[in-house]
């Protein structure tokens, strides 16, 4: 992949942005595979919510954002949205597992 500064026209930049966005979405899909599996190791809804872990993740992601020169609050918001969605999905999976064992 070319460096951004080496692109010769707008279409070339757009094509590379599309490729990066595809990779980001593929990474989210891979991340979700692990979210689905982690439920096996959680014993209750409090463990799914894992408030301390959420705070730890958000702090780390903000640090990573700073490291890369990105807006820390934007990255925090993105990961809050991801975690909220993941918690909802984990709860659904957990409830389904509980019903299956009852």
C-alpha atoms as a PDB file:
ATOM      1  CA  UNK A   1       0.000   0.000   0.000  1.00  0.00           C
ATOM      2  CA  UNK A   2       1.311   3.418  -0.933  1.00  0.00           C
ATOM      3  CA  UNK A   3       2.016   6.052   1.632  1.00  0.00           C
ATOM      4  CA  UNK A   4      -0.635   8.784   1.644  1.00  0.00           C
ATOM      5  CA  UNK A   5       1.925  11.391   0.552  1.00  0.00           C
ATOM      6  CA  UNK A   6       2.797   9.287  -2.529  1.00  0.00           C
ATOM      7  CA  UNK A   7      -0.734   9.175  -3.958  1.00  0.00           C
ATOM      8  CA  UNK A   8      -1.115  10.940  -7.284  1.00  0.00           C
ATOM      9  CA  UNK A   9      -4.852  11.653  -7.373  1.00  0.00           C
ATOM     10  CA  UNK A  10      -8.076  11.676  -5.407  1.00  0.00           C
ATOM     11  CA  UNK A  11      -9.285   8.316  -6.742  1.00  0.00           C
ATOM     12  CA  UNK A  12      -6.109   6.607  -5.634  1.00  0.00           C
ATOM     13  CA  UNK A  13      -6.598   7.999  -2.126  1.00  0.00           C
ATOM     14  CA  UNK A  14     -10.269   6.975  -2.090  1.00  0.00           C
ATOM     15  CA  UNK A  15      -9.399   3.447  -3.198  1.00  0.00           C
ATOM     16  CA  UNK A  16      -6.873   3.092  -0.395  1.00  0.00           C
ATOM     17  CA  UNK A  17      -9.325   4.525   2.161  1.00  0.00           C
ATOM     18  CA  UNK A  18     -11.883   1.938   0.982  1.00  0.00           C
ATOM     19  CA  UNK A  19      -9.294  -0.812   1.433  1.00  0.00           C
ATOM     20  CA  UNK A  20      -8.441   0.400   4.942  1.00  0.00           C
ATOM     21  CA  UNK A  21     -12.137   0.626   5.870  1.00  0.00           C
ATOM     22  CA  UNK A  22     -12.644  -2.943   4.660  1.00  0.00           C
ATOM     23  CA  UNK A  23      -9.736  -4.065   6.853  1.00  0.00           C
ATOM     24  CA  UNK A  24     -11.226  -2.219   9.835  1.00  0.00           C
ATOM     25  CA  UNK A  25     -14.572  -3.966   9.349  1.00  0.00           C
ATOM     26  CA  UNK A  26     -12.844  -7.334   8.925  1.00  0.00           C
ATOM     27  CA  UNK A  27     -11.021  -6.668  12.204  1.00  0.00           C
ATOM     28  CA  UNK A  28     -14.324  -5.863  13.934  1.00  0.00           C
ATOM     29  CA  UNK A  29     -15.712  -9.173  12.634  1.00  0.00           C
ATOM     30  CA  UNK A  30     -12.678 -11.024  13.994  1.00  0.00           C
ATOM     31  CA  UNK A  31     -13.036  -9.211  17.319  1.00  0.00           C
ATOM     32  CA  UNK A  32     -16.679 -10.271  17.485  1.00  0.00           C
ATOM     33  CA  UNK A  33     -15.679 -13.931  17.091  1.00  0.00           C
ATOM     34  CA  UNK A  34     -13.862 -13.588  20.408  1.00  0.00           C
ATOM     35  CA  UNK A  35     -16.763 -11.736  22.009  1.00  0.00           C
ATOM     36  CA  UNK A  36     -19.030 -14.681  21.172  1.00  0.00           C
ATOM     37  CA  UNK A  37     -16.570 -17.126  22.715  1.00  0.00           C
ATOM     38  CA  UNK A  38     -15.837 -15.178  25.905  1.00  0.00           C
ATOM     39  CA  UNK A  39     -19.383 -15.774  27.124  1.00  0.00           C
ATOM     40  CA  UNK A  40     -18.390 -19.388  27.831  1.00  0.00           C
ATOM     41  CA  UNK A  41     -16.099 -18.097  30.573  1.00  0.00           C
ATOM     42  CA  UNK A  42     -18.580 -15.763  32.256  1.00  0.00           C
ATOM     43  CA  UNK A  43     -20.840 -17.026  35.006  1.00  0.00           C
ATOM     44  CA  UNK A  44     -23.302 -14.165  35.458  1.00  0.00           C
ATOM     45  CA  UNK A  45     -24.571 -10.898  34.033  1.00  0.00           C
ATOM     46  CA  UNK A  46     -22.274  -8.858  36.250  1.00  0.00           C
ATOM     47  CA  UNK A  47     -19.332 -10.647  34.668  1.00  0.00           C
ATOM     48  CA  UNK A  48     -20.666  -9.758  31.235  1.00  0.00           C
ATOM     49  CA  UNK A  49     -21.007  -6.066  32.062  1.00  0.00           C
ATOM     50  CA  UNK A  50     -17.553  -6.108  33.750  1.00  0.00           C
ATOM     51  CA  UNK A  51     -17.561  -2.400  34.576  1.00  0.00           C
ATOM     52  CA  UNK A  52     -13.929  -2.407  35.779  1.00  0.00           C
ATOM     53  CA  UNK A  53     -12.822  -4.025  32.522  1.00  0.00           C
ATOM     54  CA  UNK A  54     -14.778  -1.453  30.515  1.00  0.00           C
ATOM     55  CA  UNK A  55     -13.001   1.385  32.296  1.00  0.00           C
ATOM     56  CA  UNK A  56      -9.645  -0.307  31.768  1.00  0.00           C
ATOM     57  CA  UNK A  57     -10.328  -0.801  28.042  1.00  0.00           C
ATOM     58  CA  UNK A  58     -11.454   2.800  27.529  1.00  0.00           C
ATOM     59  CA  UNK A  59      -8.402   4.155  29.331  1.00  0.00           C
ATOM     60  CA  UNK A  60      -6.067   1.988  27.235  1.00  0.00           C
ATOM     61  CA  UNK A  61      -7.778   2.873  23.951  1.00  0.00           C
ATOM     62  CA  UNK A  62      -7.508   6.577  24.769  1.00  0.00           C
ATOM     63  CA  UNK A  63      -3.787   6.101  25.434  1.00  0.00           C
ATOM     64  CA  UNK A  64      -3.399   4.284  22.131  1.00  0.00           C
ATOM     65  CA  UNK A  65      -5.286   7.066  20.349  1.00  0.00           C
ATOM     66  CA  UNK A  66      -2.956   9.648  21.857  1.00  0.00           C
ATOM     67  CA  UNK A  67       0.047   7.571  20.801  1.00  0.00           C
ATOM     68  CA  UNK A  68      -1.173   7.695  17.187  1.00  0.00           C
ATOM     69  CA  UNK A  69      -2.167  11.367  17.276  1.00  0.00           C
ATOM     70  CA  UNK A  70      -5.893  10.631  17.135  1.00  0.00           C
ATOM     71  CA  UNK A  71      -8.714  12.291  19.024  1.00  0.00           C
ATOM     72  CA  UNK A  72      -8.966  10.474  22.349  1.00  0.00           C
ATOM     73  CA  UNK A  73     -12.623  11.288  22.974  1.00  0.00           C
ATOM     74  CA  UNK A  74     -13.623  10.112  19.501  1.00  0.00           C
ATOM     75  CA  UNK A  75     -11.850   6.792  20.034  1.00  0.00           C
ATOM     76  CA  UNK A  76     -13.412   6.477  23.485  1.00  0.00           C
ATOM     77  CA  UNK A  77     -16.855   7.019  21.941  1.00  0.00           C
ATOM     78  CA  UNK A  78     -16.226   4.432  19.243  1.00  0.00           C
ATOM     79  CA  UNK A  79     -15.141   1.832  21.778  1.00  0.00           C
ATOM     80  CA  UNK A  80     -18.029   2.675  24.111  1.00  0.00           C
ATOM     81  CA  UNK A  81     -20.398   1.978  21.222  1.00  0.00           C
ATOM     82  CA  UNK A  82     -18.634  -1.288  20.398  1.00  0.00           C
ATOM     83  CA  UNK A  83     -18.674  -2.416  24.025  1.00  0.00           C
ATOM     84  CA  UNK A  84     -22.347  -1.513  24.477  1.00  0.00           C
ATOM     85  CA  UNK A  85     -23.245  -3.589  21.426  1.00  0.00           C
ATOM     86  CA  UNK A  86     -20.973  -6.445  22.539  1.00  0.00           C
ATOM     87  CA  UNK A  87     -22.524  -6.501  26.012  1.00  0.00           C
ATOM     88  CA  UNK A  88     -25.980  -6.709  24.456  1.00  0.00           C
ATOM     89  CA  UNK A  89     -24.879  -9.630  22.272  1.00  0.00           C
ATOM     90  CA  UNK A  90     -23.118 -11.346  25.177  1.00  0.00           C
ATOM     91  CA  UNK A  91     -26.284 -11.039  27.272  1.00  0.00           C
ATOM     92  CA  UNK A  92     -28.322 -12.645  24.486  1.00  0.00           C
ATOM     93  CA  UNK A  93     -25.823 -15.496  24.154  1.00  0.00           C
ATOM     94  CA  UNK A  94     -25.619 -15.928  27.921  1.00  0.00           C
ATOM     95  CA  UNK A  95     -29.412 -16.065  28.256  1.00  0.00           C
ATOM     96  CA  UNK A  96     -29.609 -18.598  25.423  1.00  0.00           C
ATOM     97  CA  UNK A  97     -26.962 -20.744  27.153  1.00  0.00           C
ATOM     98  CA  UNK A  98     -28.893 -20.539  30.440  1.00  0.00           C
ATOM     99  CA  UNK A  99     -32.103 -21.653  28.738  1.00  0.00           C
ATOM    100  CA  UNK A 100     -30.306 -24.540  27.061  1.00  0.00           C
ATOM    101  CA  UNK A 101     -28.972 -25.859  30.373  1.00  0.00           C
ATOM    102  CA  UNK A 102     -32.273 -25.459  32.235  1.00  0.00           C
END
